[in-house]
Amino acid sequence: MAPTALVTGPTAGIGTCFAEQLAARGHGLVLVARDETRLRELAGRLGQEYGVAVEVLVADLSDRKQLRRVEARLAEPSRPVDLLVNNAGFGLKRPFLDNSVEDEQDMLDVLVTAVMRLSHAALGAMVGRGHGAIVNVSSVAGFLPRGTYSAAKAYVTSFSQWADLTYREQGVRTMALCPGFTKTEFHARMDVSRGSAPAWMWLEADRLVRDALADLERGKRVSVPSRRYQALTALARYVPPSLLGRLQGVGRR
């Protein structure tokens, strides 16, 4: 039987690339997003183009009731999910105190709570079967002091490393994918210009996902795409936070 992958946030950018590349590899798909129209259009295209089964699950991951439906799908024993890609997410352009606490809570719910709860559901089922994998899309921002988004991504990276260390021997892999600036809709939705960061910092989503899947197969716990970001994240460990804080404006204008 063909393996099945559940991908959150597949209607644009990195999520679309994951869905396309996994379908090309013969994975059946469960696609989870809020926008039903775009979700069904994508499902129809991928099913027709690659001849794989594609299931649509409309859910807002900031809504706990809707999130539970996705958890239930991951835990369903009769229709196992072999790979979970926690990709859904968004950012807030303005500083912390310029955002409402509700907006900050919604972001935390999607970036952290949803990742934790969906990973819990998937790990329970996968450990029970003795195999499976999870890719949690984090960010190089998690290595930098850049507000609550960075704090959330630091959690995702640390959580993913711990999960892999804990459950790998039971057959389940977990990897944090930490991209930098990527050419997707993400920044446009924040009303951030691509010119707010140097051209050399922008990655191509297709290549990023291809490299991430290769890193997963190699057994990496953390995947940082491109040598430029690998160098930057290594350097960030030795630069004082006071200096890193001066870079907060990059990619936010």
Protein backbone atom coordinates (compact mmCIF):
# COMPACT_ATOMS: atom_id res chain seq x y z
CA MET A 1 0.00 0.00 0.00
CA ALA A 2 1.27 3.47 -0.87
CA PRO A 3 2.43 5.61 2.06
CA THR A 4 0.27 8.56 3.15
CA ALA A 5 1.48 12.04 4.11
CA LEU A 6 -0.54 14.67 5.94
CA VAL A 7 0.55 18.22 5.09
CA THR A 8 -0.74 21.33 6.86
CA GLY A 9 -0.73 24.63 5.03
CA PRO A 10 -0.32 23.10 1.54
CA THR A 11 -2.06 25.77 -0.54
CA ALA A 12 1.01 27.98 -1.03
CA GLY A 13 4.79 28.10 -0.87
CA ILE A 14 6.72 25.44 1.01
CA GLY A 15 3.55 23.47 1.77
CA THR A 16 2.62 23.25 -1.91
CA CYS A 17 6.13 22.04 -2.74
CA PHE A 18 5.91 19.34 -0.08
CA ALA A 19 2.54 18.19 -1.43
CA GLU A 20 3.78 18.13 -5.03
CA GLN A 21 7.06 16.36 -4.34
CA LEU A 22 5.46 13.78 -2.07
CA ALA A 23 2.74 13.11 -4.65
CA ALA A 24 5.45 12.69 -7.30
CA ARG A 25 7.03 10.04 -5.03
CA GLY A 26 3.71 8.17 -4.92
CA HIS A 27 2.46 9.27 -1.49
CA GLY A 28 -1.25 9.55 -0.92
CA LEU A 29 -2.05 12.91 0.62
CA VAL A 30 -4.21 14.40 3.36
CA LEU A 31 -4.19 18.16 2.82
CA VAL A 32 -5.17 20.47 5.69
CA ALA A 33 -5.90 24.20 5.32
CA ARG A 34 -8.53 26.87 5.98
CA ASP A 35 -9.17 27.89 2.36
CA GLU A 36 -11.50 25.20 1.02
CA THR A 37 -11.53 26.53 -2.54
CA ARG A 38 -7.76 26.53 -2.96
CA LEU A 39 -7.48 23.25 -1.08
CA ARG A 40 -9.87 21.45 -3.42
CA GLU A 41 -8.24 22.97 -6.50
CA LEU A 42 -4.84 21.71 -5.35
CA ALA A 43 -6.21 18.28 -4.45
CA GLY A 44 -7.83 17.92 -7.86
CA ARG A 45 -4.66 18.96 -9.69
CA LEU A 46 -2.35 16.67 -7.73
CA GLY A 47 -4.69 13.71 -7.95
CA GLN A 48 -5.00 14.08 -11.71
CA GLU A 49 -1.33 14.82 -12.36
CA TYR A 50 0.21 12.11 -10.18
CA GLY A 51 -2.58 9.54 -9.91
CA VAL A 52 -2.53 9.47 -6.11
CA ALA A 53 -5.38 9.56 -3.60
CA VAL A 54 -5.82 13.04 -2.13
CA GLU A 55 -8.03 13.72 0.87
CA VAL A 56 -9.12 17.24 1.84
CA LEU A 57 -9.54 18.30 5.46
CA VAL A 58 -10.68 21.90 5.94
CA ALA A 59 -9.55 23.21 9.33
CA ASP A 60 -8.36 26.38 11.04
CA LEU A 61 -5.54 25.20 13.29
CA SER A 62 -5.98 28.15 15.66
CA ASP A 63 -9.43 26.76 16.52
CA ARG A 64 -9.07 23.97 19.09
CA LYS A 65 -12.26 22.18 17.99
CA GLN A 66 -11.15 22.09 14.35
CA LEU A 67 -7.63 21.10 15.37
CA ARG A 68 -9.02 18.06 17.19
CA ARG A 69 -10.46 16.78 13.89
CA VAL A 70 -6.96 16.76 12.41
CA GLU A 71 -5.61 15.04 15.52
CA ALA A 72 -8.28 12.38 15.16
CA ARG A 73 -7.35 11.81 11.52
CA LEU A 74 -3.70 11.30 12.46
CA ALA A 75 -4.62 8.82 15.17
CA GLU A 76 -7.02 6.80 13.01
CA PRO A 77 -5.70 3.20 12.98
CA SER A 78 -7.55 2.05 9.85
CA ARG A 79 -6.05 4.82 7.68
CA PRO A 80 -2.49 5.30 8.92
CA VAL A 81 -0.47 8.44 8.17
CA ASP A 82 3.19 7.62 7.55
CA LEU A 83 4.53 11.18 7.33
CA LEU A 84 3.30 14.34 9.03
CA VAL A 85 4.49 17.70 7.68
CA ASN A 86 3.64 20.47 10.15
CA ASN A 87 4.02 23.40 7.77
CA ALA A 88 1.10 25.76 8.46
CA GLY A 89 2.07 29.13 9.86
CA PHE A 90 2.06 32.89 9.57
CA GLY A 91 3.94 35.88 10.95
CA LEU A 92 3.08 39.31 12.32
CA LYS A 93 4.88 42.31 10.88
CA ARG A 94 4.46 44.73 13.77
CA PRO A 95 6.29 44.65 17.12
CA PHE A 96 4.76 42.72 20.02
CA LEU A 97 2.95 45.61 21.76
CA ASP A 98 1.56 46.90 18.44
CA ASN A 99 -0.34 43.65 17.94
CA SER A 100 -3.45 42.66 19.84
CA VAL A 101 -2.93 39.87 22.32
CA GLU A 102 -5.54 37.88 20.35
CA ASP A 103 -3.41 38.08 17.19
CA GLU A 104 -0.37 37.00 19.17
CA GLN A 105 -2.35 34.11 20.67
CA ASP A 106 -3.56 32.97 17.24
CA MET A 107 0.02 32.89 15.98
CA LEU A 108 1.18 30.95 19.05
CA ASP A 109 -1.69 28.50 18.62
CA VAL A 110 -0.76 27.75 15.00
CA LEU A 111 3.03 27.77 15.36
CA VAL A 112 3.33 25.96 18.70
CA THR A 113 0.10 24.45 20.03
CA ALA A 114 -0.94 22.88 16.72
CA VAL A 115 2.56 21.49 16.14
CA MET A 116 2.64 19.98 19.63
CA ARG A 117 -0.85 18.47 19.48
CA LEU A 118 -0.55 17.10 15.94
CA SER A 119 2.88 15.67 16.76
CA HIS A 120 1.43 14.03 19.88
CA ALA A 121 -1.34 12.40 17.85
CA ALA A 122 1.02 11.29 15.09
CA LEU A 123 3.72 10.00 17.43
CA GLY A 124 1.23 7.92 19.38
CA ALA A 125 0.02 6.18 16.24
CA MET A 126 3.45 5.88 14.62
CA VAL A 127 5.20 4.47 17.70
CA GLY A 128 2.38 1.95 18.00
CA ARG A 129 3.08 0.79 14.43
CA GLY A 130 6.85 1.02 14.82
CA HIS A 131 7.48 3.38 11.92
CA GLY A 132 6.75 6.90 10.66
CA ALA A 133 8.24 10.37 10.34
CA ILE A 134 7.45 13.98 11.17
CA VAL A 135 8.84 17.13 9.57
CA ASN A 136 8.21 20.27 11.59
CA VAL A 137 8.79 23.42 9.55
CA SER A 138 10.66 25.75 11.87
CA SER A 139 12.91 28.67 10.84
CA VAL A 140 16.40 30.09 11.16
CA ALA A 141 14.56 32.84 13.04
CA GLY A 142 14.51 30.42 15.95
CA PHE A 143 18.25 30.97 16.35
CA LEU A 144 17.80 34.76 16.60
CA PRO A 145 16.09 37.21 18.99
CA ARG A 146 13.33 38.41 16.66
CA GLY A 147 10.20 38.50 18.79
CA THR A 148 7.48 35.98 19.45
CA TYR A 149 7.75 34.37 16.00
CA SER A 150 11.38 33.51 16.70
CA ALA A 151 10.49 32.28 20.18
CA ALA A 152 7.84 29.98 18.72
CA LYS A 153 10.25 28.59 16.15
CA ALA A 154 12.90 28.02 18.83
CA TYR A 155 10.34 25.81 20.58
CA VAL A 156 9.63 23.89 17.37
CA THR A 157 13.30 23.20 16.71
CA SER A 158 14.04 22.13 20.28
CA PHE A 159 10.88 19.99 20.49
CA SER A 160 11.71 18.26 17.21
CA GLN A 161 15.24 17.41 18.31
CA TRP A 162 13.95 16.00 21.59
CA ALA A 163 11.26 13.93 19.83
CA ASP A 164 13.80 12.42 17.47
CA LEU A 165 16.20 11.60 20.30
CA THR A 166 13.36 9.99 22.26
CA TYR A 167 11.42 8.02 19.62
CA ARG A 168 13.93 7.24 16.87
CA GLU A 169 14.77 3.88 18.46
CA GLN A 170 11.06 3.03 18.27
CA GLY A 171 11.04 3.61 14.52
CA VAL A 172 9.82 7.21 14.30
CA ARG A 173 11.93 10.03 12.93
CA THR A 174 11.36 13.74 13.66
CA MET A 175 13.19 16.54 11.86
CA ALA A 176 13.06 20.31 12.19
CA LEU A 177 13.32 22.13 8.87
CA CYS A 178 14.79 25.61 9.41
CA PRO A 179 14.59 27.70 6.23
CA GLY A 180 15.54 31.34 5.92
CA PHE A 181 13.80 33.87 3.70
CA THR A 182 11.96 31.93 0.99
CA LYS A 183 10.22 33.07 -2.18
CA THR A 184 6.60 32.31 -1.20
CA GLU A 185 3.41 34.19 -0.25
CA PHE A 186 4.47 34.27 3.41
CA HIS A 187 6.03 37.74 3.44
CA ALA A 188 3.52 39.24 1.01
CA ARG A 189 0.72 38.26 3.41
CA MET A 190 2.57 40.22 6.10
CA ASP A 191 2.82 43.20 3.72
CA VAL A 192 6.61 42.83 3.71
CA SER A 193 8.56 43.67 0.57
CA ARG A 194 11.00 41.12 -0.81
CA GLY A 195 13.43 44.02 -1.14
CA SER A 196 13.58 44.31 2.66
CA ALA A 197 16.23 41.57 2.68
CA PRO A 198 19.23 41.21 0.35
CA ALA A 199 18.61 39.16 -2.81
CA TRP A 200 21.20 36.52 -1.82
CA MET A 201 19.16 35.63 1.28
CA TRP A 202 16.11 34.42 -0.65
CA LEU A 203 15.71 30.68 -1.22
CA GLU A 204 13.71 28.77 -3.83
CA ALA A 205 10.96 26.68 -2.22
CA ASP A 206 11.29 23.72 -4.62
CA ARG A 207 14.99 23.26 -3.93
CA LEU A 208 14.46 23.79 -0.20
CA VAL A 209 11.89 20.99 0.03
CA ARG A 210 13.92 18.64 -2.15
CA ASP A 211 16.93 19.12 0.11
CA ALA A 212 14.76 18.72 3.23
CA LEU A 213 13.39 15.36 2.09
CA ALA A 214 16.93 14.24 1.32
CA ASP A 215 18.03 15.33 4.82
CA LEU A 216 15.15 13.37 6.34
CA GLU A 217 16.30 10.26 4.49
CA ARG A 218 19.86 10.86 5.73
CA GLY A 219 18.64 10.90 9.33
CA LYS A 220 19.23 14.55 10.15
CA ARG A 221 17.46 16.03 13.16
CA VAL A 222 17.75 19.62 11.93
CA SER A 223 17.79 20.61 8.27
CA VAL A 224 19.08 24.10 7.45
CA PRO A 225 18.82 24.67 3.68
CA SER A 226 21.77 26.21 1.80
CA ARG A 227 25.32 26.77 2.90
CA ARG A 228 24.67 30.47 3.42
CA TYR A 229 22.11 29.79 6.17
CA GLN A 230 24.16 26.96 7.63
CA ALA A 231 26.99 29.47 8.05
CA LEU A 232 24.69 32.12 9.49
CA THR A 233 23.13 29.81 12.06
CA ALA A 234 26.56 28.56 13.12
CA LEU A 235 27.77 32.14 13.49
CA ALA A 236 24.67 33.11 15.50
CA ARG A 237 25.81 30.82 18.33
CA TYR A 238 28.82 33.06 18.96
CA VAL A 239 27.40 36.55 18.33
CA PRO A 240 26.08 38.41 21.41
CA PRO A 241 22.27 38.81 21.46
CA SER A 242 22.71 42.59 21.64
CA LEU A 243 24.33 42.52 18.20
CA LEU A 244 21.88 40.02 16.73
CA GLY A 245 19.04 42.27 17.92
CA ARG A 246 20.20 44.95 15.52
CA LEU A 247 19.14 42.72 12.62
CA GLN A 248 15.46 42.72 13.61
CA GLY A 249 14.49 45.04 10.78
CA VAL A 250 15.84 42.77 8.03
CA GLY A 251 12.94 41.23 6.14
CA ARG A 252 10.25 43.21 7.95
CA ARG A 253 9.73 46.33 5.84
